[in-house]
Every structure is written in C-alpha cells, then in structure tokens.
N, C-alpha and C. Protein backbone atom coordinates (compact mmCIF):
# COMPACT_ATOMS: atom_id res chain seq x y z
N UNK A 1 105.35 105.01 94.80
CA UNK A 1 105.30 103.66 93.78
C UNK A 1 104.60 102.72 94.32
N UNK A 2 103.62 101.70 93.68
CA UNK A 2 102.81 100.67 93.75
C UNK A 2 104.31 99.46 94.42
N UNK A 3 103.28 98.40 95.18
CA UNK A 3 104.07 97.75 96.12
C UNK A 3 104.94 96.78 94.71
N UNK A 4 103.49 96.48 94.06
CA UNK A 4 103.92 95.31 93.09
C UNK A 4 104.82 96.19 92.11
N UNK A 5 104.69 97.85 91.57
CA UNK A 5 105.98 98.10 90.41
C UNK A 5 106.98 98.10 91.38
N UNK A 6 107.24 98.35 92.37
CA UNK A 6 108.46 98.45 93.03
C UNK A 6 108.82 97.69 93.23
N UNK A 7 108.55 96.16 93.80
CA UNK A 7 108.61 94.98 93.43
C UNK A 7 109.23 94.23 92.29
N UNK A 8 108.47 94.47 90.81
CA UNK A 8 109.34 94.16 89.67
C UNK A 8 110.34 94.92 89.55
N UNK A 9 110.58 96.40 89.69
CA UNK A 9 111.51 96.59 89.56
C UNK A 9 112.75 96.68 90.14
N UNK A 10 112.47 96.59 91.11
CA UNK A 10 113.99 95.99 92.51
C UNK A 10 114.22 94.62 91.98
N UNK A 11 113.22 93.48 91.89
CA UNK A 11 113.49 92.30 91.41
C UNK A 11 114.33 92.33 90.19
N UNK A 12 114.26 92.86 89.46
CA UNK A 12 114.55 93.01 87.82
C UNK A 12 116.16 93.49 87.70
N UNK A 13 116.53 94.71 88.31
CA UNK A 13 117.34 95.20 88.57
C UNK A 13 118.57 94.38 89.39
N UNK A 14 117.88 93.61 90.87
CA UNK A 14 118.84 92.76 91.46
C UNK A 14 119.25 91.75 90.61
N UNK A 15 118.40 91.07 89.68
CA UNK A 15 118.48 90.04 89.33
C UNK A 15 119.63 90.28 88.11
N UNK A 16 119.40 91.29 87.24
CA UNK A 16 120.52 91.32 86.40
C UNK A 16 121.92 91.52 87.05
N UNK A 17 121.97 92.35 88.19
CA UNK A 17 123.20 92.40 89.13
C UNK A 17 123.50 91.12 89.54
N UNK A 18 122.82 90.12 89.80
CA UNK A 18 123.22 88.45 90.27
C UNK A 18 123.86 88.18 89.19
N UNK A 19 122.81 88.36 87.98
CA UNK A 19 123.78 87.47 86.49
C UNK A 19 124.90 87.91 86.03
N UNK A 20 125.14 88.97 86.33
CA UNK A 20 126.50 89.90 85.84
C UNK A 20 127.59 89.62 86.74
N UNK A 21 127.18 88.98 88.49
CA UNK A 21 128.62 88.31 89.06
C UNK A 21 129.12 86.96 88.61
N UNK A 22 128.40 86.23 88.10
CA UNK A 22 128.55 85.32 87.02
C UNK A 22 130.26 85.67 86.45
N UNK A 23 130.22 86.61 85.96
CA UNK A 23 131.82 87.14 85.26
C UNK A 23 133.13 87.01 86.38
N UNK A 24 132.90 86.69 87.37
CA UNK A 24 134.00 86.59 88.58
C UNK A 24 133.78 84.90 88.91
N UNK A 25 132.93 83.94 88.45
CA UNK A 25 132.81 83.04 88.38
C UNK A 25 133.68 81.89 87.14
N UNK A 26 134.67 81.35 87.83
CA UNK A 26 135.96 80.53 86.61
C UNK A 26 134.95 79.73 85.56
N UNK A 27 134.92 79.27 84.62
CA UNK A 27 134.40 78.48 83.97
C UNK A 27 133.09 78.56 83.15
N UNK A 28 132.52 80.23 83.56
CA UNK A 28 131.09 80.55 83.09
C UNK A 28 131.01 81.42 81.72
N UNK A 29 132.06 81.53 81.18
CA UNK A 29 132.83 82.36 79.99
C UNK A 29 131.26 82.26 78.84
N UNK A 30 131.56 80.99 78.28
CA UNK A 30 130.38 80.82 77.73
C UNK A 30 129.01 80.44 77.84
N UNK A 31 128.49 80.78 78.79
CA UNK A 31 127.10 80.77 79.02
C UNK A 31 126.65 82.15 80.01
N UNK A 32 127.23 82.75 79.50
CA UNK A 32 126.96 84.32 80.67
C UNK A 32 125.66 84.76 79.79
N UNK A 33 125.27 85.14 78.60
CA UNK A 33 123.94 85.04 77.81
C UNK A 33 122.69 84.46 78.91
N UNK A 34 122.71 83.20 79.01
CA UNK A 34 121.97 82.37 79.59
C UNK A 34 121.87 82.67 80.92
N UNK A 35 123.18 82.91 81.69
CA UNK A 35 122.82 83.29 83.50
C UNK A 35 122.59 84.61 83.32
N UNK A 36 122.88 85.57 82.86
CA UNK A 36 122.03 86.77 82.54
C UNK A 36 120.95 86.73 82.60
N UNK A 37 120.08 86.45 81.77
CA UNK A 37 118.73 86.08 81.58
C UNK A 37 117.78 85.19 82.21
N UNK A 38 118.69 84.57 82.98
CA UNK A 38 117.68 83.91 83.78
C UNK A 38 118.16 84.32 85.09
N UNK A 39 118.97 85.02 85.39
CA UNK A 39 119.38 85.80 86.93
C UNK A 39 118.30 86.80 86.79
N UNK A 40 117.94 87.78 86.01
CA UNK A 40 117.12 88.59 85.71
C UNK A 40 115.39 87.76 85.75
N UNK A 41 115.47 86.74 84.94
CA UNK A 41 114.14 86.65 85.28
C UNK A 41 113.95 86.27 86.38
N UNK A 42 114.48 85.36 87.13
CA UNK A 42 114.39 84.81 88.28
C UNK A 42 113.81 86.39 89.59
N UNK A 43 115.25 87.23 89.23
CA UNK A 43 115.09 88.18 90.05
C UNK A 43 113.63 88.96 89.98
N UNK A 44 112.94 89.43 88.41
CA UNK A 44 111.56 90.20 88.20
C UNK A 44 110.56 88.98 88.66
N UNK A 45 110.46 87.58 88.86
CA UNK A 45 109.75 86.80 89.44
C UNK A 45 109.84 87.10 90.88
N UNK A 46 110.79 87.34 91.51
CA UNK A 46 111.04 87.31 93.01
C UNK A 46 110.29 88.62 93.26
N UNK A 47 110.52 89.50 92.41
CA UNK A 47 109.66 90.55 93.02
C UNK A 47 108.60 91.06 92.65
N UNK A 48 107.77 90.52 91.42
CA UNK A 48 106.38 90.61 91.15
C UNK A 48 105.65 89.64 92.49
N UNK A 49 106.35 88.14 92.90
CA UNK A 49 106.01 87.58 93.81
C UNK A 49 105.82 88.35 95.65
N UNK A 50 106.62 89.17 95.97
CA UNK A 50 106.80 89.62 96.53
C UNK A 50 106.15 90.99 96.53
N UNK A 51 105.51 91.75 95.38
CA UNK A 51 104.93 92.70 95.46
C UNK A 51 103.46 92.41 95.38
N UNK A 52 103.17 90.98 95.54
CA UNK A 52 101.73 90.48 95.17
C UNK A 52 101.72 89.99 96.94
N UNK A 53 102.91 89.70 97.12
CA UNK A 53 102.34 89.19 98.85
C UNK A 53 102.01 90.57 99.64
N UNK A 54 102.66 91.24 99.04
CA UNK A 54 103.08 92.63 99.91
C UNK A 54 101.67 93.19 100.12
N UNK A 55 100.68 92.97 99.13
CA UNK A 55 99.13 93.35 98.89
C UNK A 55 98.51 93.41 100.37
N UNK A 56 98.86 91.95 100.69
CA UNK A 56 98.20 91.26 101.72
C UNK A 56 98.62 91.33 103.54
N UNK A 57 100.14 91.35 103.10
CA UNK A 57 101.05 91.37 104.48
C UNK A 57 101.76 92.71 104.71
N UNK A 58 100.92 93.21 106.07
CA UNK A 58 101.96 94.75 105.90
C UNK A 58 102.89 95.01 107.41
N UNK A 59 103.14 93.61 107.83
CA UNK A 59 104.33 94.60 108.58
C UNK A 59 105.97 93.69 107.77
N UNK A 60 106.43 94.88 108.73
CA UNK A 60 107.93 94.66 107.75
C UNK A 60 108.59 93.45 108.08
N UNK A 61 108.51 92.06 108.79
CA UNK A 61 109.06 91.47 109.26
C UNK A 61 108.85 90.47 108.66
N UNK A 62 107.25 90.59 108.40
CA UNK A 62 106.49 89.32 107.49
C UNK A 62 106.98 89.29 106.28
N UNK A 63 107.13 90.83 105.78
CA UNK A 63 107.73 90.84 104.42
C UNK A 63 108.47 90.70 103.94
N UNK A 64 109.73 90.32 105.22
CA UNK A 64 111.85 89.97 104.76
C UNK A 64 111.33 88.44 104.81
N UNK A 65 110.35 88.45 105.38
CA UNK A 65 110.26 86.60 105.44
C UNK A 65 110.03 85.79 104.30
N UNK A 66 108.96 86.67 103.76
CA UNK A 66 107.98 86.21 102.90
C UNK A 66 109.09 86.11 101.68
N UNK A 67 109.94 87.35 101.79
CA UNK A 67 110.84 87.80 100.38
C UNK A 67 112.04 86.57 100.54
N UNK A 68 112.85 86.09 101.60
CA UNK A 68 113.58 85.03 102.00
C UNK A 68 113.43 83.55 101.51
N UNK A 69 111.84 83.56 101.71
CA UNK A 69 111.01 82.02 101.55
C UNK A 69 111.21 82.12 100.08
N UNK A 70 110.23 83.07 99.25
CA UNK A 70 110.46 83.44 97.90
C UNK A 70 111.58 83.19 96.82
N UNK A 71 112.89 83.78 97.56
CA UNK A 71 113.79 83.55 97.19
C UNK A 71 114.95 82.57 97.08
N UNK A 72 114.35 81.76 98.16
CA UNK A 72 115.36 80.27 98.50
C UNK A 72 114.64 79.44 97.77
N UNK A 73 113.07 79.61 97.38
CA UNK A 73 112.26 78.42 96.88
C UNK A 73 112.73 78.86 95.12
N UNK A 74 112.20 79.91 94.68
CA UNK A 74 113.09 80.21 93.43
C UNK A 74 114.09 79.83 93.42
N UNK A 75 115.44 79.59 93.68
CA UNK A 75 116.65 79.58 93.34
C UNK A 75 116.86 78.28 93.65
N UNK A 76 116.42 77.50 94.53
CA UNK A 76 116.31 76.01 94.64
C UNK A 76 115.81 75.60 93.06
N UNK A 77 114.42 75.92 92.94
CA UNK A 77 114.29 75.28 91.45
C UNK A 77 115.36 75.76 90.30
N UNK A 78 115.42 76.76 90.64
CA UNK A 78 116.49 77.39 89.29
C UNK A 78 117.97 76.72 89.27
N UNK A 79 117.85 76.01 90.72
CA UNK A 79 119.52 75.03 90.51
C UNK A 79 119.42 73.97 90.31
N UNK A 80 118.47 73.16 90.24
CA UNK A 80 118.21 72.08 90.04
C UNK A 80 118.55 71.23 88.72
N UNK A 81 118.59 71.84 87.74
CA UNK A 81 119.07 71.55 86.69
C UNK A 81 120.57 71.42 86.57
N UNK A 82 121.43 72.29 87.05
CA UNK A 82 122.62 72.51 86.88
C UNK A 82 122.96 71.74 88.32
N UNK A 83 122.92 71.80 89.51
CA UNK A 83 123.08 71.27 90.67
C UNK A 83 124.24 72.23 91.32
N UNK A 84 123.95 73.53 90.89
CA UNK A 84 125.00 74.73 91.62
C UNK A 84 124.31 75.22 92.52
N UNK A 85 123.93 74.41 93.69
CA UNK A 85 122.82 74.84 94.54
C UNK A 85 123.97 76.26 95.18
N UNK A 86 125.48 75.80 95.29
CA UNK A 86 126.01 76.82 96.28
C UNK A 86 126.12 77.97 95.84
N UNK A 87 126.17 78.00 94.16
CA UNK A 87 126.51 79.30 93.39
C UNK A 87 125.01 80.28 93.14
N UNK A 88 123.57 79.61 93.81
CA UNK A 88 122.51 80.21 92.90
C UNK A 88 121.96 80.58 94.17
N UNK A 89 121.43 79.67 95.19
CA UNK A 89 120.65 79.91 96.37
C UNK A 89 120.99 80.98 97.15
N UNK A 90 122.22 80.99 97.55
CA UNK A 90 122.46 82.59 98.73
C UNK A 90 121.96 83.44 98.13
N UNK A 91 122.72 83.81 96.36
CA UNK A 91 122.17 84.70 96.02
C UNK A 91 120.62 85.59 96.10
N UNK A 92 119.93 84.22 95.68
CA UNK A 92 118.49 84.53 95.82
C UNK A 92 118.21 84.79 97.00
N UNK A 93 117.89 84.32 97.97
CA UNK A 93 117.88 84.44 99.25
C UNK A 93 118.24 86.14 99.68
N UNK A 94 119.46 86.59 99.06
CA UNK A 94 119.59 88.09 99.43
C UNK A 94 118.83 88.58 98.74
N UNK A 95 118.69 88.29 97.31
CA UNK A 95 117.64 88.92 96.48
C UNK A 95 116.20 89.17 97.07
N UNK A 96 115.52 88.00 97.85
CA UNK A 96 115.05 88.63 98.25
C UNK A 96 114.50 89.37 99.55
N UNK A 97 115.51 89.12 100.07
CA UNK A 97 115.81 89.72 101.30
C UNK A 97 115.45 91.35 101.01
N UNK A 98 116.42 91.38 100.01
CA UNK A 98 116.52 93.22 99.61
C UNK A 98 115.44 93.49 99.19
N UNK A 99 114.58 92.46 98.08
CA UNK A 99 112.99 93.36 97.66
C UNK A 99 112.31 93.15 98.72
N UNK A 100 112.50 92.91 99.59
CA UNK A 100 111.04 92.69 101.24
C UNK A 100 111.80 93.63 101.55
N UNK A 101 112.67 93.96 101.89
CA UNK A 101 113.09 95.57 102.73
C UNK A 101 112.71 96.46 102.16
N UNK A 102 112.86 96.44 100.59
CA UNK A 102 112.39 97.79 99.63
C UNK A 102 111.45 98.09 99.74
N UNK A 103 110.28 96.99 99.36
CA UNK A 103 109.08 96.99 98.71
C UNK A 103 108.44 97.45 100.52
N UNK A 104 108.71 96.74 101.69
CA UNK A 104 108.04 97.37 102.71
C UNK A 104 108.65 98.53 103.41
N UNK A 105 109.75 99.32 102.66
CA UNK A 105 109.85 100.54 103.30
C UNK A 105 109.55 101.49 102.25
N UNK A 106 109.73 101.24 101.28
CA UNK A 106 108.61 102.33 100.27
C UNK A 106 107.98 102.51 99.28
N UNK A 107 107.26 100.98 99.19
CA UNK A 107 105.78 100.46 98.90
C UNK A 107 104.66 101.27 99.01
N UNK A 108 103.99 101.35 98.56
CA UNK A 108 103.01 102.03 98.92
C UNK A 108 101.30 101.48 98.20
C-alpha cells in the first residue's frame, strides 16, 4: 500500500480510538461527538502529513521523528481553544510516532 494511503488509514483509525478514549475522562459526556470527530480529523491529518513527508524521507528514525513533530504540532493547535494540553498533546505525539512507524515499516 502506498505510504500516503497507509498514513491516512492508520491515522484515521488511531485518531478515532483517541477520540473514544475520552469516555474515560470525567466531565466529557456532553462533548463526545465533537471529541471523536475532531480526534478522528486530527488523526487523519497527521497520517496524511506523515504520508506526504514519507515520500521524501526514507529512514525509519527520520520518519518517526517527523511523526512525533507533526503529532505534537497538530495536538498543540487542537488544544489551544480548550487549554487541555495534558489531555490532548501526549496522545497526539503517540499517534504521530505510531503512524510514522507504520508508514516506514509497511509503506511502499
């Protein structure tokens, strides 16, 4: 599978799971639809950007680092309106790292 498609699919799936993880956070009951939607969108955008970066970067370490940076930047931007940095940024970094690993290992 192409790196762009693999990045998009894996980012979409991980972003959706990230949004679902908000079920374990008290006080988010009334916002679950928005949290899942924006988490999925953030994951998809992360995956697409990593897939695009993977076209020019070949090494596993470089792609994982790029994934971490993309995940961190997008998560910080997503956390600005709410100020929930501790709840949003770490999971975004992990998603970027995992998508970077997936794309570097199985992308063609």
